[in-house]
Amino acid sequence: MPMPERCSRFAEYRDKVLELFASKGFGQVGMRELATCLGLAPGSLYHHYPSKQHLLLDLIEEFYEELLTVLGRIEQTAPVKRDRLNHLIRGHLNLHQEMPWHFRLVERDSGCLNEAQQERVRQLREEYEHKLLSMLGVRLRFSESCRMAVGHTIATLLNGAPSWLAQYSLDEQERDHLMENMMGGVIERLLVPGADEQGVFTTQAATGMLWSS
C-alpha cells in the first residue's frame, strides 16, 4: 500500500510529474530530476516512492479510471445503443483535450513498467475495451480472441485519432466532423460485418446489423 506522505506528495506535484514524463519520455527522466520536480532532496526520494515506475502506474491507472467514468456517463445519458457511437467519439475527443499528457504517456511508456504492473495495465485496458463493446451492443459471432482484437482496435482508434489529427490546422468543428465520419464508418464496418453475394462487406449490411435496441 502506498504511504500517506507518498500519496500527498504525488497529489501536490502530480501535473508536474505527468508533464515531465510525457514531454521528455519516462526513460529520459532521471531520479535527480524527478526529485527536483517533487520538491525532494535526491537522497530522500526513495523514502517516499519505491520507484518511479510506481508514479507511472498511478498516472496510467488514473487514465483508465477517467475513460471508464466517461463511458459510464455516456451510458446514462444515451440509453439507446444506436445513439452511443457519436457520444463515444465526442467523449474521447473531449477527454483528449483535457488529458493530452496521459494519452501520450500511456501510448508510449506503458512498456517501461515491470511485469506485474503491466499485468495491472492489461486488466484495466481489457475492462475498458469490454465495456466499449458492451455499450455498442455488438453482435459478434467471432471467437473470444477475435472479440478482444475488435475491442482493442476500436479503443486504439478512439484514443489515437485525436493525436493523428493534431498536426493539422483544423478548427474544432472540422475536427469533430472528420472524426465522427471517419471513425463512425470504420467502427460500424468493424463491429458487425455484413457481406454481399461475393463476400464483400457492405455499408448497408453493416448499418442494418450493427445495433440492437
N, C-alpha and C. Protein backbone atom coordinates (compact mmCIF):
# COMPACT_ATOMS: atom_id res chain seq x y z
N MET A 1 0.84 -1.21 0.00
CA MET A 1 0.00 0.00 0.00
C MET A 1 0.87 1.24 0.00
N PRO A 2 0.49 2.28 -0.78
CA PRO A 2 1.29 3.50 -0.80
C PRO A 2 1.24 4.20 0.54
N MET A 3 2.39 4.78 0.93
CA MET A 3 2.45 5.53 2.18
C MET A 3 1.67 6.82 2.06
N PRO A 4 1.03 7.31 3.15
CA PRO A 4 0.23 8.54 3.08
C PRO A 4 1.02 9.73 2.56
N GLU A 5 2.30 9.85 3.00
CA GLU A 5 3.07 11.00 2.53
C GLU A 5 3.38 10.91 1.04
N ARG A 6 3.47 9.65 0.52
CA ARG A 6 3.70 9.47 -0.90
C ARG A 6 2.49 9.96 -1.69
N CYS A 7 1.29 9.57 -1.25
CA CYS A 7 0.07 10.00 -1.93
C CYS A 7 -0.08 11.51 -1.88
N SER A 8 0.20 12.09 -0.72
CA SER A 8 0.06 13.54 -0.56
C SER A 8 1.03 14.29 -1.47
N ARG A 9 2.28 13.84 -1.47
CA ARG A 9 3.29 14.50 -2.29
C ARG A 9 2.97 14.34 -3.77
N PHE A 10 2.54 13.15 -4.16
CA PHE A 10 2.20 12.92 -5.56
C PHE A 10 1.03 13.78 -6.00
N ALA A 11 -0.01 13.88 -5.15
CA ALA A 11 -1.17 14.69 -5.49
C ALA A 11 -0.78 16.15 -5.68
N GLU A 12 0.13 16.62 -4.83
CA GLU A 12 0.53 18.03 -4.89
C GLU A 12 1.30 18.35 -6.16
N TYR A 13 2.14 17.42 -6.61
CA TYR A 13 3.01 17.69 -7.76
C TYR A 13 2.64 16.84 -8.98
N ARG A 14 1.46 16.25 -8.95
CA ARG A 14 1.06 15.32 -10.00
C ARG A 14 1.19 15.87 -11.41
N ASP A 15 0.68 17.07 -11.65
CA ASP A 15 0.70 17.64 -13.00
C ASP A 15 2.12 17.87 -13.49
N LYS A 16 3.00 18.27 -12.58
CA LYS A 16 4.40 18.50 -12.97
C LYS A 16 5.08 17.18 -13.34
N VAL A 17 4.82 16.14 -12.54
CA VAL A 17 5.39 14.83 -12.84
C VAL A 17 4.85 14.30 -14.17
N LEU A 18 3.56 14.44 -14.38
CA LEU A 18 2.93 13.99 -15.61
C LEU A 18 3.54 14.67 -16.82
N GLU A 19 3.66 15.99 -16.78
CA GLU A 19 4.22 16.72 -17.91
C GLU A 19 5.68 16.35 -18.13
N LEU A 20 6.42 16.16 -17.06
CA LEU A 20 7.84 15.79 -17.18
C LEU A 20 7.99 14.44 -17.86
N PHE A 21 7.23 13.44 -17.42
CA PHE A 21 7.29 12.11 -18.04
C PHE A 21 6.86 12.16 -19.50
N ALA A 22 5.74 12.84 -19.75
CA ALA A 22 5.15 12.83 -21.09
C ALA A 22 5.97 13.63 -22.09
N SER A 23 6.54 14.74 -21.67
CA SER A 23 7.26 15.60 -22.60
C SER A 23 8.66 15.07 -22.90
N LYS A 24 9.33 14.49 -21.91
CA LYS A 24 10.70 14.03 -22.10
C LYS A 24 10.78 12.54 -22.43
N GLY A 25 9.77 11.78 -22.02
CA GLY A 25 9.84 10.33 -22.12
C GLY A 25 10.25 9.76 -20.78
N PHE A 26 9.53 8.75 -20.33
CA PHE A 26 9.76 8.19 -18.99
C PHE A 26 11.22 7.76 -18.80
N GLY A 27 11.77 7.11 -19.81
CA GLY A 27 13.13 6.61 -19.70
C GLY A 27 14.19 7.69 -19.65
N GLN A 28 13.84 8.90 -20.07
CA GLN A 28 14.80 10.01 -20.10
C GLN A 28 14.79 10.84 -18.83
N VAL A 29 13.89 10.53 -17.91
CA VAL A 29 13.79 11.29 -16.66
C VAL A 29 14.57 10.55 -15.59
N GLY A 30 15.61 11.19 -15.08
CA GLY A 30 16.42 10.58 -14.04
C GLY A 30 15.84 10.84 -12.65
N MET A 31 16.33 10.10 -11.68
CA MET A 31 15.82 10.23 -10.32
C MET A 31 16.12 11.61 -9.73
N ARG A 32 17.26 12.19 -10.07
CA ARG A 32 17.58 13.52 -9.56
C ARG A 32 16.59 14.56 -10.09
N GLU A 33 16.29 14.49 -11.39
CA GLU A 33 15.34 15.43 -11.98
C GLU A 33 13.94 15.23 -11.40
N LEU A 34 13.57 13.97 -11.20
CA LEU A 34 12.26 13.67 -10.63
C LEU A 34 12.16 14.19 -9.20
N ALA A 35 13.24 14.02 -8.43
CA ALA A 35 13.26 14.52 -7.06
C ALA A 35 13.07 16.04 -7.04
N THR A 36 13.76 16.73 -7.93
CA THR A 36 13.62 18.18 -8.01
C THR A 36 12.19 18.58 -8.33
N CYS A 37 11.57 17.85 -9.27
CA CYS A 37 10.19 18.13 -9.66
C CYS A 37 9.24 17.96 -8.48
N LEU A 38 9.55 17.00 -7.61
CA LEU A 38 8.69 16.71 -6.47
C LEU A 38 9.05 17.54 -5.24
N GLY A 39 10.06 18.36 -5.36
CA GLY A 39 10.46 19.18 -4.23
C GLY A 39 11.15 18.39 -3.14
N LEU A 40 11.85 17.31 -3.53
CA LEU A 40 12.55 16.45 -2.57
C LEU A 40 14.04 16.49 -2.83
N ALA A 41 14.82 16.24 -1.79
CA ALA A 41 16.25 16.04 -1.97
C ALA A 41 16.46 14.69 -2.66
N PRO A 42 17.42 14.60 -3.61
CA PRO A 42 17.60 13.35 -4.35
C PRO A 42 17.74 12.13 -3.46
N GLY A 43 18.46 12.26 -2.36
CA GLY A 43 18.68 11.10 -1.50
C GLY A 43 17.45 10.65 -0.75
N SER A 44 16.47 11.52 -0.62
CA SER A 44 15.27 11.15 0.15
C SER A 44 14.13 10.63 -0.72
N LEU A 45 14.31 10.64 -2.04
CA LEU A 45 13.22 10.25 -2.93
C LEU A 45 12.75 8.83 -2.66
N TYR A 46 13.68 7.91 -2.44
CA TYR A 46 13.30 6.51 -2.24
C TYR A 46 12.56 6.28 -0.93
N HIS A 47 12.64 7.24 -0.02
CA HIS A 47 11.88 7.11 1.22
C HIS A 47 10.39 7.39 0.98
N HIS A 48 10.08 8.08 -0.13
CA HIS A 48 8.69 8.43 -0.45
C HIS A 48 8.11 7.54 -1.54
N TYR A 49 8.94 7.06 -2.47
CA TYR A 49 8.46 6.29 -3.61
C TYR A 49 9.33 5.05 -3.80
N PRO A 50 8.75 3.87 -3.87
CA PRO A 50 9.55 2.67 -4.12
C PRO A 50 10.33 2.75 -5.43
N SER A 51 9.73 3.35 -6.45
CA SER A 51 10.39 3.51 -7.74
C SER A 51 9.61 4.52 -8.56
N LYS A 52 10.23 5.03 -9.62
CA LYS A 52 9.49 5.96 -10.47
C LYS A 52 8.42 5.22 -11.28
N GLN A 53 8.57 3.88 -11.43
CA GLN A 53 7.53 3.10 -12.09
C GLN A 53 6.21 3.17 -11.33
N HIS A 54 6.29 3.30 -10.01
CA HIS A 54 5.05 3.42 -9.23
C HIS A 54 4.31 4.71 -9.57
N LEU A 55 5.04 5.77 -9.83
CA LEU A 55 4.41 7.02 -10.24
C LEU A 55 3.77 6.86 -11.61
N LEU A 56 4.48 6.21 -12.52
CA LEU A 56 3.95 5.98 -13.86
C LEU A 56 2.67 5.16 -13.80
N LEU A 57 2.66 4.11 -12.99
CA LEU A 57 1.47 3.28 -12.86
C LEU A 57 0.30 4.09 -12.30
N ASP A 58 0.56 4.95 -11.32
CA ASP A 58 -0.50 5.80 -10.77
C ASP A 58 -1.16 6.62 -11.87
N LEU A 59 -0.35 7.18 -12.75
CA LEU A 59 -0.86 8.04 -13.82
C LEU A 59 -1.64 7.23 -14.85
N ILE A 60 -1.17 6.03 -15.16
CA ILE A 60 -1.87 5.19 -16.13
C ILE A 60 -3.19 4.69 -15.55
N GLU A 61 -3.19 4.33 -14.27
CA GLU A 61 -4.44 3.94 -13.62
C GLU A 61 -5.44 5.09 -13.65
N GLU A 62 -4.96 6.29 -13.41
CA GLU A 62 -5.83 7.46 -13.46
C GLU A 62 -6.44 7.63 -14.84
N PHE A 63 -5.66 7.38 -15.87
CA PHE A 63 -6.14 7.48 -17.25
C PHE A 63 -7.31 6.53 -17.50
N TYR A 64 -7.16 5.27 -17.13
CA TYR A 64 -8.22 4.30 -17.39
C TYR A 64 -9.44 4.55 -16.50
N GLU A 65 -9.22 5.03 -15.30
CA GLU A 65 -10.35 5.39 -14.44
C GLU A 65 -11.18 6.51 -15.08
N GLU A 66 -10.51 7.48 -15.68
CA GLU A 66 -11.23 8.56 -16.35
C GLU A 66 -11.97 8.05 -17.58
N LEU A 67 -11.35 7.17 -18.35
CA LEU A 67 -12.03 6.59 -19.51
C LEU A 67 -13.30 5.86 -19.08
N LEU A 68 -13.21 5.05 -18.04
CA LEU A 68 -14.38 4.31 -17.56
C LEU A 68 -15.45 5.25 -17.03
N THR A 69 -15.04 6.35 -16.42
CA THR A 69 -16.01 7.35 -15.97
C THR A 69 -16.75 7.96 -17.15
N VAL A 70 -16.02 8.26 -18.22
CA VAL A 70 -16.64 8.80 -19.43
C VAL A 70 -17.66 7.81 -20.00
N LEU A 71 -17.28 6.53 -20.07
CA LEU A 71 -18.20 5.52 -20.59
C LEU A 71 -19.46 5.41 -19.73
N GLY A 72 -19.28 5.44 -18.42
CA GLY A 72 -20.43 5.37 -17.53
C GLY A 72 -21.37 6.54 -17.71
N ARG A 73 -20.81 7.72 -17.90
CA ARG A 73 -21.63 8.92 -18.10
C ARG A 73 -22.39 8.83 -19.42
N ILE A 74 -21.74 8.35 -20.46
CA ILE A 74 -22.41 8.21 -21.76
C ILE A 74 -23.52 7.16 -21.67
N GLU A 75 -23.27 6.09 -20.97
CA GLU A 75 -24.27 5.03 -20.84
C GLU A 75 -25.54 5.56 -20.17
N GLN A 76 -25.38 6.49 -19.25
CA GLN A 76 -26.54 7.07 -18.57
C GLN A 76 -27.27 8.08 -19.43
N THR A 77 -26.52 8.89 -20.18
CA THR A 77 -27.13 9.97 -20.97
C THR A 77 -27.62 9.51 -22.34
N ALA A 78 -27.11 8.38 -22.82
CA ALA A 78 -27.54 7.85 -24.13
C ALA A 78 -27.95 6.40 -23.94
N PRO A 79 -29.13 6.16 -23.36
CA PRO A 79 -29.54 4.79 -23.04
C PRO A 79 -29.77 3.91 -24.26
N VAL A 80 -30.11 4.50 -25.41
CA VAL A 80 -30.34 3.71 -26.63
C VAL A 80 -29.01 3.46 -27.31
N LYS A 81 -28.69 2.21 -27.55
CA LYS A 81 -27.37 1.86 -28.04
C LYS A 81 -27.03 2.49 -29.39
N ARG A 82 -28.01 2.66 -30.25
CA ARG A 82 -27.73 3.21 -31.57
C ARG A 82 -27.29 4.68 -31.49
N ASP A 83 -27.51 5.34 -30.36
CA ASP A 83 -27.11 6.74 -30.21
C ASP A 83 -25.72 6.91 -29.61
N ARG A 84 -25.08 5.82 -29.24
CA ARG A 84 -23.88 5.94 -28.41
C ARG A 84 -22.59 6.18 -29.18
N LEU A 85 -22.51 5.78 -30.44
CA LEU A 85 -21.23 5.85 -31.13
C LEU A 85 -20.71 7.28 -31.21
N ASN A 86 -21.55 8.22 -31.66
CA ASN A 86 -21.10 9.61 -31.74
C ASN A 86 -20.78 10.18 -30.37
N HIS A 87 -21.54 9.76 -29.35
CA HIS A 87 -21.25 10.21 -27.99
C HIS A 87 -19.88 9.69 -27.55
N LEU A 88 -19.57 8.46 -27.91
CA LEU A 88 -18.27 7.89 -27.55
C LEU A 88 -17.13 8.62 -28.26
N ILE A 89 -17.32 8.91 -29.53
CA ILE A 89 -16.30 9.64 -30.28
C ILE A 89 -16.07 11.01 -29.67
N ARG A 90 -17.15 11.71 -29.41
CA ARG A 90 -17.02 13.06 -28.84
C ARG A 90 -16.46 13.01 -27.41
N GLY A 91 -16.86 12.00 -26.65
CA GLY A 91 -16.34 11.88 -25.30
C GLY A 91 -14.84 11.65 -25.27
N HIS A 92 -14.34 10.84 -26.19
CA HIS A 92 -12.90 10.61 -26.27
C HIS A 92 -12.16 11.86 -26.76
N LEU A 93 -12.78 12.58 -27.69
CA LEU A 93 -12.18 13.84 -28.14
C LEU A 93 -12.05 14.83 -26.98
N ASN A 94 -13.11 14.96 -26.22
CA ASN A 94 -13.10 15.90 -25.10
C ASN A 94 -12.06 15.50 -24.05
N LEU A 95 -11.98 14.19 -23.77
CA LEU A 95 -11.02 13.73 -22.78
C LEU A 95 -9.59 13.93 -23.27
N HIS A 96 -9.39 13.79 -24.57
CA HIS A 96 -8.05 14.02 -25.13
C HIS A 96 -7.64 15.47 -24.95
N GLN A 97 -8.60 16.38 -25.05
CA GLN A 97 -8.29 17.80 -24.82
C GLN A 97 -7.98 18.06 -23.36
N GLU A 98 -8.66 17.36 -22.46
CA GLU A 98 -8.47 17.58 -21.03
C GLU A 98 -7.21 16.89 -20.50
N MET A 99 -6.84 15.75 -21.09
CA MET A 99 -5.74 14.94 -20.55
C MET A 99 -4.74 14.53 -21.64
N PRO A 100 -4.22 15.48 -22.43
CA PRO A 100 -3.34 15.09 -23.54
C PRO A 100 -2.07 14.38 -23.10
N TRP A 101 -1.52 14.77 -21.94
CA TRP A 101 -0.28 14.14 -21.48
C TRP A 101 -0.51 12.68 -21.12
N HIS A 102 -1.68 12.37 -20.55
CA HIS A 102 -1.98 10.98 -20.20
C HIS A 102 -2.00 10.10 -21.45
N PHE A 103 -2.65 10.58 -22.51
CA PHE A 103 -2.73 9.78 -23.73
C PHE A 103 -1.34 9.49 -24.27
N ARG A 104 -0.48 10.50 -24.27
CA ARG A 104 0.87 10.32 -24.79
C ARG A 104 1.65 9.34 -23.93
N LEU A 105 1.50 9.46 -22.61
CA LEU A 105 2.23 8.61 -21.68
C LEU A 105 1.82 7.16 -21.82
N VAL A 106 0.53 6.90 -21.87
CA VAL A 106 0.03 5.53 -21.96
C VAL A 106 0.47 4.88 -23.27
N GLU A 107 0.39 5.62 -24.35
CA GLU A 107 0.75 5.07 -25.66
C GLU A 107 2.23 4.74 -25.74
N ARG A 108 3.06 5.59 -25.16
CA ARG A 108 4.50 5.47 -25.38
C ARG A 108 5.24 4.71 -24.29
N ASP A 109 4.81 4.84 -23.03
CA ASP A 109 5.67 4.40 -21.93
C ASP A 109 5.13 3.27 -21.07
N SER A 110 3.99 2.69 -21.42
CA SER A 110 3.46 1.59 -20.60
C SER A 110 4.44 0.43 -20.52
N GLY A 111 5.22 0.23 -21.56
CA GLY A 111 6.19 -0.85 -21.59
C GLY A 111 7.34 -0.69 -20.61
N CYS A 112 7.45 0.48 -19.99
CA CYS A 112 8.52 0.72 -19.02
C CYS A 112 8.19 0.15 -17.64
N LEU A 113 6.96 -0.29 -17.45
CA LEU A 113 6.55 -0.86 -16.17
C LEU A 113 7.09 -2.29 -16.02
N ASN A 114 7.15 -2.76 -14.78
CA ASN A 114 7.58 -4.14 -14.58
C ASN A 114 6.44 -5.10 -14.95
N GLU A 115 6.72 -6.38 -14.90
CA GLU A 115 5.75 -7.37 -15.40
C GLU A 115 4.43 -7.32 -14.63
N ALA A 116 4.50 -7.22 -13.31
CA ALA A 116 3.27 -7.19 -12.51
C ALA A 116 2.48 -5.92 -12.79
N GLN A 117 3.17 -4.80 -12.95
CA GLN A 117 2.48 -3.54 -13.24
C GLN A 117 1.87 -3.56 -14.64
N GLN A 118 2.56 -4.16 -15.60
CA GLN A 118 2.00 -4.27 -16.94
C GLN A 118 0.76 -5.16 -16.95
N GLU A 119 0.75 -6.17 -16.10
CA GLU A 119 -0.44 -7.02 -15.99
C GLU A 119 -1.61 -6.22 -15.44
N ARG A 120 -1.35 -5.35 -14.50
CA ARG A 120 -2.39 -4.48 -13.97
C ARG A 120 -2.94 -3.58 -15.07
N VAL A 121 -2.07 -3.04 -15.91
CA VAL A 121 -2.50 -2.18 -17.01
C VAL A 121 -3.32 -2.97 -18.02
N ARG A 122 -2.89 -4.20 -18.30
CA ARG A 122 -3.67 -5.05 -19.23
C ARG A 122 -5.07 -5.29 -18.69
N GLN A 123 -5.20 -5.52 -17.40
CA GLN A 123 -6.52 -5.73 -16.80
C GLN A 123 -7.40 -4.50 -16.96
N LEU A 124 -6.84 -3.34 -16.71
CA LEU A 124 -7.60 -2.10 -16.85
C LEU A 124 -8.00 -1.87 -18.30
N ARG A 125 -7.06 -2.11 -19.21
CA ARG A 125 -7.35 -1.90 -20.62
C ARG A 125 -8.45 -2.85 -21.10
N GLU A 126 -8.38 -4.11 -20.70
CA GLU A 126 -9.38 -5.07 -21.12
C GLU A 126 -10.75 -4.75 -20.53
N GLU A 127 -10.78 -4.27 -19.29
CA GLU A 127 -12.05 -3.85 -18.69
C GLU A 127 -12.68 -2.72 -19.50
N TYR A 128 -11.86 -1.76 -19.89
CA TYR A 128 -12.33 -0.62 -20.69
C TYR A 128 -12.80 -1.08 -22.07
N GLU A 129 -12.04 -1.94 -22.73
CA GLU A 129 -12.40 -2.40 -24.07
C GLU A 129 -13.66 -3.26 -24.05
N HIS A 130 -13.79 -4.10 -23.02
CA HIS A 130 -15.01 -4.90 -22.88
C HIS A 130 -16.22 -4.00 -22.69
N LYS A 131 -16.06 -2.95 -21.90
CA LYS A 131 -17.15 -2.00 -21.68
C LYS A 131 -17.54 -1.31 -22.98
N LEU A 132 -16.57 -0.95 -23.79
CA LEU A 132 -16.85 -0.33 -25.08
C LEU A 132 -17.74 -1.23 -25.93
N LEU A 133 -17.35 -2.49 -26.09
CA LEU A 133 -18.13 -3.41 -26.91
C LEU A 133 -19.53 -3.61 -26.35
N SER A 134 -19.62 -3.73 -25.04
CA SER A 134 -20.93 -3.91 -24.42
C SER A 134 -21.83 -2.71 -24.66
N MET A 135 -21.28 -1.51 -24.54
CA MET A 135 -22.07 -0.30 -24.74
C MET A 135 -22.56 -0.16 -26.16
N LEU A 136 -21.76 -0.64 -27.11
CA LEU A 136 -22.14 -0.53 -28.51
C LEU A 136 -23.13 -1.60 -28.94
N GLY A 137 -23.44 -2.53 -28.05
CA GLY A 137 -24.43 -3.56 -28.37
C GLY A 137 -23.99 -4.45 -29.50
N VAL A 138 -22.73 -4.88 -29.45
CA VAL A 138 -22.15 -5.62 -30.56
C VAL A 138 -22.72 -7.03 -30.63
N ARG A 139 -23.02 -7.46 -31.85
CA ARG A 139 -23.41 -8.85 -32.10
C ARG A 139 -22.26 -9.52 -32.84
N LEU A 140 -21.34 -10.04 -32.11
CA LEU A 140 -20.18 -10.67 -32.74
C LEU A 140 -20.30 -12.19 -32.68
N ARG A 141 -20.21 -12.82 -33.82
CA ARG A 141 -20.20 -14.28 -33.87
C ARG A 141 -18.78 -14.77 -34.09
N PHE A 142 -17.87 -14.18 -33.37
CA PHE A 142 -16.47 -14.49 -33.52
C PHE A 142 -15.97 -15.20 -32.26
N SER A 143 -14.74 -15.67 -32.33
CA SER A 143 -14.12 -16.26 -31.16
C SER A 143 -13.84 -15.18 -30.13
N GLU A 144 -13.57 -15.59 -28.91
CA GLU A 144 -13.25 -14.62 -27.86
C GLU A 144 -12.00 -13.83 -28.20
N SER A 145 -11.03 -14.50 -28.82
CA SER A 145 -9.80 -13.79 -29.22
C SER A 145 -10.10 -12.72 -30.25
N CYS A 146 -10.98 -13.04 -31.20
CA CYS A 146 -11.35 -12.06 -32.21
C CYS A 146 -12.12 -10.91 -31.58
N ARG A 147 -12.99 -11.21 -30.66
CA ARG A 147 -13.75 -10.17 -29.95
C ARG A 147 -12.81 -9.22 -29.22
N MET A 148 -11.81 -9.79 -28.56
CA MET A 148 -10.84 -8.96 -27.86
C MET A 148 -10.06 -8.09 -28.84
N ALA A 149 -9.74 -8.66 -30.00
CA ALA A 149 -9.00 -7.89 -31.00
C ALA A 149 -9.83 -6.73 -31.53
N VAL A 150 -11.13 -6.97 -31.73
CA VAL A 150 -12.02 -5.90 -32.20
C VAL A 150 -12.11 -4.79 -31.16
N GLY A 151 -12.28 -5.17 -29.89
CA GLY A 151 -12.34 -4.17 -28.83
C GLY A 151 -11.07 -3.34 -28.75
N HIS A 152 -9.93 -4.01 -28.89
CA HIS A 152 -8.64 -3.31 -28.83
C HIS A 152 -8.48 -2.37 -30.01
N THR A 153 -8.92 -2.80 -31.18
CA THR A 153 -8.81 -1.96 -32.37
C THR A 153 -9.67 -0.70 -32.24
N ILE A 154 -10.91 -0.87 -31.78
CA ILE A 154 -11.79 0.28 -31.59
C ILE A 154 -11.20 1.25 -30.58
N ALA A 155 -10.69 0.72 -29.46
CA ALA A 155 -10.09 1.57 -28.44
C ALA A 155 -8.89 2.32 -28.98
N THR A 156 -8.07 1.65 -29.78
CA THR A 156 -6.89 2.30 -30.37
C THR A 156 -7.29 3.43 -31.30
N LEU A 157 -8.34 3.21 -32.08
CA LEU A 157 -8.83 4.26 -32.97
C LEU A 157 -9.35 5.46 -32.19
N LEU A 158 -10.16 5.20 -31.18
CA LEU A 158 -10.75 6.28 -30.40
C LEU A 158 -9.69 7.09 -29.65
N ASN A 159 -8.67 6.40 -29.14
CA ASN A 159 -7.66 7.07 -28.34
C ASN A 159 -6.53 7.67 -29.18
N GLY A 160 -6.31 7.10 -30.37
CA GLY A 160 -5.18 7.57 -31.17
C GLY A 160 -5.51 8.63 -32.20
N ALA A 161 -6.73 8.59 -32.74
CA ALA A 161 -7.09 9.51 -33.84
C ALA A 161 -6.93 10.98 -33.48
N PRO A 162 -7.30 11.44 -32.29
CA PRO A 162 -7.10 12.86 -31.98
C PRO A 162 -5.64 13.29 -32.11
N SER A 163 -4.71 12.43 -31.74
CA SER A 163 -3.29 12.76 -31.89
C SER A 163 -2.89 12.80 -33.35
N TRP A 164 -3.45 11.90 -34.15
CA TRP A 164 -3.12 11.90 -35.57
C TRP A 164 -3.55 13.20 -36.23
N LEU A 165 -4.70 13.75 -35.79
CA LEU A 165 -5.23 14.96 -36.41
C LEU A 165 -4.64 16.25 -35.85
N ALA A 166 -3.93 16.13 -34.73
CA ALA A 166 -3.42 17.33 -34.05
C ALA A 166 -2.43 18.11 -34.89
N GLN A 167 -1.76 17.44 -35.82
CA GLN A 167 -0.74 18.11 -36.64
C GLN A 167 -1.36 19.00 -37.72
N TYR A 168 -2.66 18.91 -37.92
CA TYR A 168 -3.33 19.70 -38.94
C TYR A 168 -4.07 20.88 -38.31
N SER A 169 -4.13 21.96 -39.04
CA SER A 169 -4.77 23.18 -38.52
C SER A 169 -6.28 23.12 -38.75
N LEU A 170 -6.92 22.29 -37.95
CA LEU A 170 -8.37 22.13 -38.05
C LEU A 170 -9.03 22.88 -36.92
N ASP A 171 -10.14 23.57 -37.23
CA ASP A 171 -10.88 24.15 -36.12
C ASP A 171 -11.69 23.04 -35.46
N GLU A 172 -12.29 23.32 -34.33
CA GLU A 172 -12.96 22.29 -33.55
C GLU A 172 -14.08 21.63 -34.33
N GLN A 173 -14.85 22.41 -35.09
CA GLN A 173 -15.97 21.85 -35.84
C GLN A 173 -15.47 20.92 -36.93
N GLU A 174 -14.40 21.33 -37.64
CA GLU A 174 -13.84 20.48 -38.69
C GLU A 174 -13.30 19.17 -38.11
N ARG A 175 -12.59 19.29 -37.00
CA ARG A 175 -12.02 18.10 -36.37
C ARG A 175 -13.10 17.14 -35.93
N ASP A 176 -14.14 17.66 -35.26
CA ASP A 176 -15.21 16.80 -34.77
C ASP A 176 -15.96 16.14 -35.93
N HIS A 177 -16.22 16.90 -36.99
CA HIS A 177 -16.92 16.35 -38.15
C HIS A 177 -16.10 15.24 -38.80
N LEU A 178 -14.80 15.48 -38.95
CA LEU A 178 -13.94 14.47 -39.56
C LEU A 178 -13.87 13.22 -38.70
N MET A 179 -13.72 13.41 -37.41
CA MET A 179 -13.64 12.27 -36.51
C MET A 179 -14.92 11.45 -36.53
N GLU A 180 -16.06 12.12 -36.46
CA GLU A 180 -17.33 11.40 -36.40
C GLU A 180 -17.59 10.61 -37.68
N ASN A 181 -17.27 11.20 -38.82
CA ASN A 181 -17.50 10.50 -40.08
C ASN A 181 -16.48 9.39 -40.32
N MET A 182 -15.22 9.69 -40.06
CA MET A 182 -14.18 8.71 -40.28
C MET A 182 -14.31 7.54 -39.31
N MET A 183 -14.41 7.86 -38.01
CA MET A 183 -14.45 6.83 -37.01
C MET A 183 -15.77 6.06 -37.05
N GLY A 184 -16.87 6.79 -37.27
CA GLY A 184 -18.15 6.12 -37.32
C GLY A 184 -18.20 5.07 -38.40
N GLY A 185 -17.72 5.41 -39.60
CA GLY A 185 -17.73 4.47 -40.71
C GLY A 185 -16.84 3.26 -40.46
N VAL A 186 -15.65 3.52 -39.95
CA VAL A 186 -14.71 2.42 -39.69
C VAL A 186 -15.25 1.48 -38.62
N ILE A 187 -15.74 2.04 -37.52
CA ILE A 187 -16.20 1.21 -36.41
C ILE A 187 -17.44 0.42 -36.79
N GLU A 188 -18.35 1.02 -37.53
CA GLU A 188 -19.54 0.30 -37.95
C GLU A 188 -19.18 -0.92 -38.80
N ARG A 189 -18.23 -0.77 -39.69
CA ARG A 189 -17.82 -1.90 -40.53
C ARG A 189 -17.07 -2.95 -39.71
N LEU A 190 -16.36 -2.49 -38.71
CA LEU A 190 -15.55 -3.40 -37.90
C LEU A 190 -16.39 -4.24 -36.96
N LEU A 191 -17.44 -3.65 -36.43
CA LEU A 191 -18.21 -4.32 -35.39
C LEU A 191 -18.96 -5.55 -35.90
N VAL A 192 -19.85 -5.34 -36.86
CA VAL A 192 -20.65 -6.45 -37.37
C VAL A 192 -20.64 -6.40 -38.88
N PRO A 193 -19.70 -7.05 -39.53
CA PRO A 193 -19.63 -7.01 -40.98
C PRO A 193 -20.78 -7.76 -41.62
N GLY A 194 -21.34 -7.16 -42.68
CA GLY A 194 -22.32 -7.85 -43.49
C GLY A 194 -21.70 -8.09 -44.86
N ALA A 195 -22.08 -9.13 -45.52
CA ALA A 195 -21.44 -9.46 -46.79
C ALA A 195 -22.46 -9.55 -47.90
N ASP A 196 -22.05 -9.10 -49.10
CA ASP A 196 -22.90 -9.30 -50.26
C ASP A 196 -22.63 -10.69 -50.83
N GLU A 197 -23.13 -10.98 -51.99
CA GLU A 197 -23.02 -12.33 -52.52
C GLU A 197 -21.58 -12.72 -52.80
N GLN A 198 -20.71 -11.76 -53.05
CA GLN A 198 -19.31 -12.04 -53.30
C GLN A 198 -18.49 -12.07 -52.00
N GLY A 199 -19.17 -11.87 -50.87
CA GLY A 199 -18.46 -11.90 -49.61
C GLY A 199 -17.80 -10.59 -49.28
N VAL A 200 -18.14 -9.49 -49.98
CA VAL A 200 -17.56 -8.19 -49.73
C VAL A 200 -18.41 -7.46 -48.70
N PHE A 201 -17.78 -6.85 -47.71
CA PHE A 201 -18.53 -6.14 -46.68
C PHE A 201 -19.22 -4.93 -47.28
N THR A 202 -20.48 -4.71 -46.91
CA THR A 202 -21.22 -3.58 -47.45
C THR A 202 -21.67 -2.67 -46.34
N THR A 203 -21.71 -1.37 -46.64
CA THR A 203 -22.15 -0.39 -45.65
C THR A 203 -23.60 -0.64 -45.25
N GLN A 204 -24.45 -0.97 -46.23
CA GLN A 204 -25.86 -1.17 -45.93
C GLN A 204 -26.06 -2.33 -44.96
N ALA A 205 -25.34 -3.43 -45.21
CA ALA A 205 -25.49 -4.59 -44.34
C ALA A 205 -24.96 -4.29 -42.95
N ALA A 206 -23.83 -3.60 -42.90
CA ALA A 206 -23.25 -3.27 -41.59
C ALA A 206 -24.18 -2.38 -40.80
N THR A 207 -24.75 -1.38 -41.46
CA THR A 207 -25.67 -0.46 -40.77
C THR A 207 -26.90 -1.20 -40.28
N GLY A 208 -27.43 -2.12 -41.09
CA GLY A 208 -28.63 -2.82 -40.71
C GLY A 208 -28.44 -3.80 -39.59
N MET A 209 -27.21 -4.36 -39.45
CA MET A 209 -26.98 -5.41 -38.48
C MET A 209 -26.31 -4.92 -37.20
N LEU A 210 -25.85 -3.69 -37.19
CA LEU A 210 -24.95 -3.24 -36.13
C LEU A 210 -25.62 -3.19 -34.76
N TRP A 211 -26.76 -2.51 -34.71
CA TRP A 211 -27.28 -2.14 -33.39
C TRP A 211 -28.40 -3.07 -32.93
N SER A 212 -28.46 -3.26 -31.65
CA SER A 212 -29.62 -3.90 -31.03
C SER A 212 -30.21 -2.89 -30.06
N SER A 213 -31.49 -2.69 -30.07
CA SER A 213 -32.11 -1.64 -29.25
C SER A 213 -32.32 -2.12 -27.84
